[in-house]
Amino acid sequence: MIDVTPVAVRLPDATIRVRDVRPEVRGAAGAVAIARLPAGRSEIVLSGAALAALMRRAVPGVSAQSVQATRFRRTIAARVPAPSFVPERPAVTAGEALTLVARNGVVTVERRVTALQPARAGGRVFVRDGAGRVFAAPVQSEAR
């Protein structure tokens, strides 16, 4: 009786490499790409025969007999895990003390303000100055 349960393989990207099919292969030989998942697909199931054909095509010098002698009797289910969402940390957080710098020609005016909301570099943020006035200001990459 042949086991038809696919061997689950988790891929870091959409590329199936030799080491994903044959874990015992290490180094540069294991890093050789044998297939890519089709665009828009995050998983694929390949039969042993398909894996053997892909291996012969991608790795020159591999004989058909050596490929058949490997463990291609089972199918694999290759899957790229969904990327985890990590929100970008804002450059400015609410309540953070900042220095507003205004330049016009050779004149530079600086004053202390407080951010009223979080913001990313390149965006705008509402700030409050020492007199209580609220206005929008651009956020530079080196917010201070």
C-alpha atoms as a PDB file:
ATOM      1  CA  MET A   1       0.000   0.000   0.000  1.00  0.00           C
ATOM      2  CA  ILE A   2       1.376   3.409  -1.009  1.00  0.00           C
ATOM      3  CA  ASP A   3       0.994   6.355   1.355  1.00  0.00           C
ATOM      4  CA  VAL A   4      -0.596   9.231  -0.576  1.00  0.00           C
ATOM      5  CA  THR A   5      -0.587  11.735   2.273  1.00  0.00           C
ATOM      6  CA  PRO A   6       1.374  14.770   1.037  1.00  0.00           C
ATOM      7  CA  VAL A   7       4.504  15.772   2.931  1.00  0.00           C
ATOM      8  CA  ALA A   8       3.938  19.360   4.102  1.00  0.00           C
ATOM      9  CA  VAL A   9       6.720  21.792   3.188  1.00  0.00           C
ATOM     10  CA  ARG A  10       6.729  25.429   4.314  1.00  0.00           C
ATOM     11  CA  LEU A  11       8.543  27.743   1.926  1.00  0.00           C
ATOM     12  CA  PRO A  12      10.035  31.118   2.894  1.00  0.00           C
ATOM     13  CA  ASP A  13       9.173  32.418  -0.584  1.00  0.00           C
ATOM     14  CA  ALA A  14       7.462  31.078  -3.692  1.00  0.00           C
ATOM     15  CA  THR A  15      10.501  29.021  -4.745  1.00  0.00           C
ATOM     16  CA  ILE A  16      10.800  25.257  -4.252  1.00  0.00           C
ATOM     17  CA  ARG A  17      14.441  24.292  -3.787  1.00  0.00           C
ATOM     18  CA  VAL A  18      16.230  20.940  -3.774  1.00  0.00           C
ATOM     19  CA  ARG A  19      16.460  21.000   0.057  1.00  0.00           C
ATOM     20  CA  ASP A  20      12.644  21.310   0.284  1.00  0.00           C
ATOM     21  CA  VAL A  21      12.275  18.008  -1.570  1.00  0.00           C
ATOM     22  CA  ARG A  22      15.404  16.286  -0.240  1.00  0.00           C
ATOM     23  CA  PRO A  23      16.270  17.678   3.225  1.00  0.00           C
ATOM     24  CA  GLU A  24      19.491  15.655   3.355  1.00  0.00           C
ATOM     25  CA  VAL A  25      21.036  17.806   0.571  1.00  0.00           C
ATOM     26  CA  ARG A  26      22.932  20.716   2.120  1.00  0.00           C
ATOM     27  CA  GLY A  27      24.931  23.710   0.920  1.00  0.00           C
ATOM     28  CA  ALA A  28      24.839  25.119  -2.586  1.00  0.00           C
ATOM     29  CA  ALA A  29      23.281  21.962  -4.023  1.00  0.00           C
ATOM     30  CA  GLY A  30      20.344  22.275  -1.628  1.00  0.00           C
ATOM     31  CA  ALA A  31      19.783  25.924  -2.572  1.00  0.00           C
ATOM     32  CA  VAL A  32      19.197  25.173  -6.279  1.00  0.00           C
ATOM     33  CA  ALA A  33      15.692  26.256  -7.301  1.00  0.00           C
ATOM     34  CA  ILE A  34      13.690  23.556  -9.057  1.00  0.00           C
ATOM     35  CA  ALA A  35      10.332  25.363  -9.402  1.00  0.00           C
ATOM     36  CA  ARG A  36       8.385  28.495  -8.520  1.00  0.00           C
ATOM     37  CA  LEU A  37       4.785  28.626  -7.409  1.00  0.00           C
ATOM     38  CA  PRO A  38       2.509  30.151 -10.052  1.00  0.00           C
ATOM     39  CA  ALA A  39       1.760  33.864  -9.628  1.00  0.00           C
ATOM     40  CA  GLY A  40      -1.003  34.451  -7.132  1.00  0.00           C
ATOM     41  CA  ARG A  41      -0.728  30.971  -5.581  1.00  0.00           C
ATOM     42  CA  SER A  42       0.499  30.395  -2.050  1.00  0.00           C
ATOM     43  CA  GLU A  43       0.391  26.595  -2.136  1.00  0.00           C
ATOM     44  CA  ILE A  44       0.745  23.697  -4.563  1.00  0.00           C
ATOM     45  CA  VAL A  45       0.658  19.887  -4.386  1.00  0.00           C
ATOM     46  CA  LEU A  46       3.170  18.056  -6.568  1.00  0.00           C
ATOM     47  CA  SER A  47       3.331  14.335  -7.235  1.00  0.00           C
ATOM     48  CA  GLY A  48       6.513  12.317  -6.980  1.00  0.00           C
ATOM     49  CA  ALA A  49       6.681  12.034 -10.770  1.00  0.00           C
ATOM     50  CA  ALA A  50       6.367  15.800 -11.182  1.00  0.00           C
ATOM     51  CA  LEU A  51       9.067  16.394  -8.563  1.00  0.00           C
ATOM     52  CA  ALA A  52      11.391  13.928 -10.309  1.00  0.00           C
ATOM     53  CA  ALA A  53      10.864  15.700 -13.661  1.00  0.00           C
ATOM     54  CA  LEU A  54      11.501  19.112 -12.091  1.00  0.00           C
ATOM     55  CA  MET A  55      14.654  17.816 -10.410  1.00  0.00           C
ATOM     56  CA  ARG A  56      16.023  16.351 -13.666  1.00  0.00           C
ATOM     57  CA  ARG A  57      15.326  19.610 -15.510  1.00  0.00           C
ATOM     58  CA  ALA A  58      16.811  21.943 -12.865  1.00  0.00           C
ATOM     59  CA  VAL A  59      19.868  19.939 -11.830  1.00  0.00           C
ATOM     60  CA  PRO A  60      21.979  18.980 -14.848  1.00  0.00           C
ATOM     61  CA  GLY A  61      23.954  15.798 -14.451  1.00  0.00           C
ATOM     62  CA  VAL A  62      21.355  14.089 -12.278  1.00  0.00           C
ATOM     63  CA  SER A  63      20.525  10.774 -13.865  1.00  0.00           C
ATOM     64  CA  ALA A  64      16.977   9.535 -14.129  1.00  0.00           C
ATOM     65  CA  GLN A  65      17.906   6.471 -12.070  1.00  0.00           C
ATOM     66  CA  SER A  66      19.318   8.509  -9.180  1.00  0.00           C
ATOM     67  CA  VAL A  67      16.218  10.697  -9.175  1.00  0.00           C
ATOM     68  CA  GLN A  68      13.926   7.676  -9.147  1.00  0.00           C
ATOM     69  CA  ALA A  69      15.963   6.151  -6.322  1.00  0.00           C
ATOM     70  CA  THR A  70      15.256   9.152  -4.075  1.00  0.00           C
ATOM     71  CA  ARG A  71      12.122   9.495  -2.012  1.00  0.00           C
ATOM     72  CA  PHE A  72       9.820  10.735  -4.761  1.00  0.00           C
ATOM     73  CA  ARG A  73       7.194   8.125  -4.097  1.00  0.00           C
ATOM     74  CA  ARG A  74       5.184  10.604  -2.029  1.00  0.00           C
ATOM     75  CA  THR A  75       3.667  13.920  -3.005  1.00  0.00           C
ATOM     76  CA  ILE A  76       4.568  17.196  -1.315  1.00  0.00           C
ATOM     77  CA  ALA A  77       2.296  20.063  -0.384  1.00  0.00           C
ATOM     78  CA  ALA A  78       4.438  23.193  -0.659  1.00  0.00           C
ATOM     79  CA  ARG A  79       3.046  26.266   1.032  1.00  0.00           C
ATOM     80  CA  VAL A  80       4.225  29.846   1.467  1.00  0.00           C
ATOM     81  CA  PRO A  81       2.900  31.157   4.784  1.00  0.00           C
ATOM     82  CA  ALA A  82       0.999  34.424   4.671  1.00  0.00           C
ATOM     83  CA  PRO A  83       3.243  37.332   5.587  1.00  0.00           C
ATOM     84  CA  SER A  84       2.621  38.531   9.082  1.00  0.00           C
ATOM     85  CA  PHE A  85       1.524  42.150   9.306  1.00  0.00           C
ATOM     86  CA  VAL A  86       3.858  44.259  11.364  1.00  0.00           C
ATOM     87  CA  PRO A  87       2.679  47.856  11.459  1.00  0.00           C
ATOM     88  CA  GLU A  88       5.357  50.434  10.800  1.00  0.00           C
ATOM     89  CA  ARG A  89       6.405  52.213  13.964  1.00  0.00           C
ATOM     90  CA  PRO A  90       5.501  55.907  13.718  1.00  0.00           C
ATOM     91  CA  ALA A  91       8.350  58.431  13.677  1.00  0.00           C
ATOM     92  CA  VAL A  92       6.341  60.626  16.059  1.00  0.00           C
ATOM     93  CA  THR A  93       4.053  59.436  18.858  1.00  0.00           C
ATOM     94  CA  ALA A  94       1.179  61.339  20.456  1.00  0.00           C
ATOM     95  CA  GLY A  95       2.355  63.499  23.345  1.00  0.00           C
ATOM     96  CA  GLU A  96       5.982  63.527  22.185  1.00  0.00           C
ATOM     97  CA  ALA A  97       7.879  66.808  22.649  1.00  0.00           C
ATOM     98  CA  LEU A  98       9.276  68.058  19.334  1.00  0.00           C
ATOM     99  CA  THR A  99      11.181  71.036  18.027  1.00  0.00           C
ATOM    100  CA  LEU A 100       9.476  72.876  15.188  1.00  0.00           C
ATOM    101  CA  VAL A 101      12.036  74.415  12.854  1.00  0.00           C
ATOM    102  CA  ALA A 102      10.936  77.087  10.363  1.00  0.00           C
ATOM    103  CA  ARG A 103      13.447  78.370   7.826  1.00  0.00           C
ATOM    104  CA  ASN A 104      13.140  81.266   5.409  1.00  0.00           C
ATOM    105  CA  GLY A 105      16.393  82.152   3.705  1.00  0.00           C
ATOM    106  CA  VAL A 106      19.045  82.655   6.371  1.00  0.00           C
ATOM    107  CA  VAL A 107      16.493  83.079   9.172  1.00  0.00           C
ATOM    108  CA  THR A 108      15.734  80.015  11.311  1.00  0.00           C
ATOM    109  CA  VAL A 109      13.092  79.995  14.053  1.00  0.00           C
ATOM    110  CA  GLU A 110      12.783  77.074  16.469  1.00  0.00           C
ATOM    111  CA  ARG A 111      10.113  76.442  19.082  1.00  0.00           C
ATOM    112  CA  ARG A 112       9.021  73.552  21.264  1.00  0.00           C
ATOM    113  CA  VAL A 113       5.733  71.856  20.343  1.00  0.00           C
ATOM    114  CA  THR A 114       3.864  68.727  21.427  1.00  0.00           C
ATOM    115  CA  ALA A 115       2.565  66.168  18.930  1.00  0.00           C
ATOM    116  CA  LEU A 116      -1.171  65.523  19.216  1.00  0.00           C
ATOM    117  CA  GLN A 117      -1.176  62.324  17.149  1.00  0.00           C
ATOM    118  CA  PRO A 118       1.214  59.680  15.825  1.00  0.00           C
ATOM    119  CA  ALA A 119       2.724  60.289  12.381  1.00  0.00           C
ATOM    120  CA  ARG A 120       5.225  58.767   9.973  1.00  0.00           C
ATOM    121  CA  ALA A 121       8.205  60.503   8.425  1.00  0.00           C
ATOM    122  CA  GLY A 122       7.169  62.451   5.340  1.00  0.00           C
ATOM    123  CA  GLY A 123       3.627  62.961   6.650  1.00  0.00           C
ATOM    124  CA  ARG A 124       1.997  65.765   8.584  1.00  0.00           C
ATOM    125  CA  VAL A 125       1.140  65.924  12.257  1.00  0.00           C
ATOM    126  CA  PHE A 126      -1.013  68.230  14.357  1.00  0.00           C
ATOM    127  CA  VAL A 127       1.039  69.913  17.077  1.00  0.00           C
ATOM    128  CA  ARG A 128       0.322  72.309  19.943  1.00  0.00           C
ATOM    129  CA  ASP A 129       2.727  75.128  20.774  1.00  0.00           C
ATOM    130  CA  GLY A 130       3.372  76.723  24.190  1.00  0.00           C
ATOM    131  CA  ALA A 131       0.570  79.279  23.659  1.00  0.00           C
ATOM    132  CA  GLY A 132      -1.976  76.499  23.033  1.00  0.00           C
ATOM    133  CA  ARG A 133      -2.310  77.065  19.285  1.00  0.00           C
ATOM    134  CA  VAL A 134      -2.822  73.911  17.194  1.00  0.00           C
ATOM    135  CA  PHE A 135      -1.539  73.611  13.645  1.00  0.00           C
ATOM    136  CA  ALA A 136      -0.223  71.023  11.180  1.00  0.00           C
ATOM    137  CA  ALA A 137       3.490  70.585  10.614  1.00  0.00           C
ATOM    138  CA  PRO A 138       5.487  68.303   8.298  1.00  0.00           C
ATOM    139  CA  VAL A 139       7.410  65.424   9.883  1.00  0.00           C
ATOM    140  CA  GLN A 140      11.029  65.081   8.788  1.00  0.00           C
ATOM    141  CA  SER A 141      12.834  61.748   8.866  1.00  0.00           C
ATOM    142  CA  GLU A 142      14.954  62.859  11.804  1.00  0.00           C
ATOM    143  CA  ALA A 143      12.102  64.055  14.053  1.00  0.00           C
ATOM    144  CA  ARG A 144      13.447  65.416  17.315  1.00  0.00           C
END
